[in-house]
């Protein structure tokens, strides 16, 4: 299969279409390759999308990443998206702590903190500090 257009030459719209196509084809290597540069550039929507690919799309491999690597990177991108104010990321952290998902463990205090941060993003830093204090995350 021919490699999609060079990632640096793509518009955001072209990139999104290429990511969607690669995802439908089950090519997570390509999804990762196309999403990573934009996530690294600080786009919180792409950070959140990348976290989902790493954490939940376990039906296909990503070259060079073990399951543990994917979990660690997925949580990192989820937290970066939350730090940037991405409401979906904040809500996912809240639900994950409420239900004990993605191996974070159940923590009602953190679940409530992130739930409140969905509505008031200024609380995000306090929630992240609490995560570090409780040993769920390391300082950035």
Foldseek 3Di string as FASTA:
>chain_A
DDQPDDLVPDDPVRLVVQLVVCVVVVNVQNNCVNLVVVLVVQDLVSLLVLLCCLQPVPVHDHPPADNVNSLVSSVVSLLSSLLVPNLVSLQVQLVCQCPVPSVQHHDNVLNVQSVVCSVVVVSSVVSVVVCCVVPSDPDD
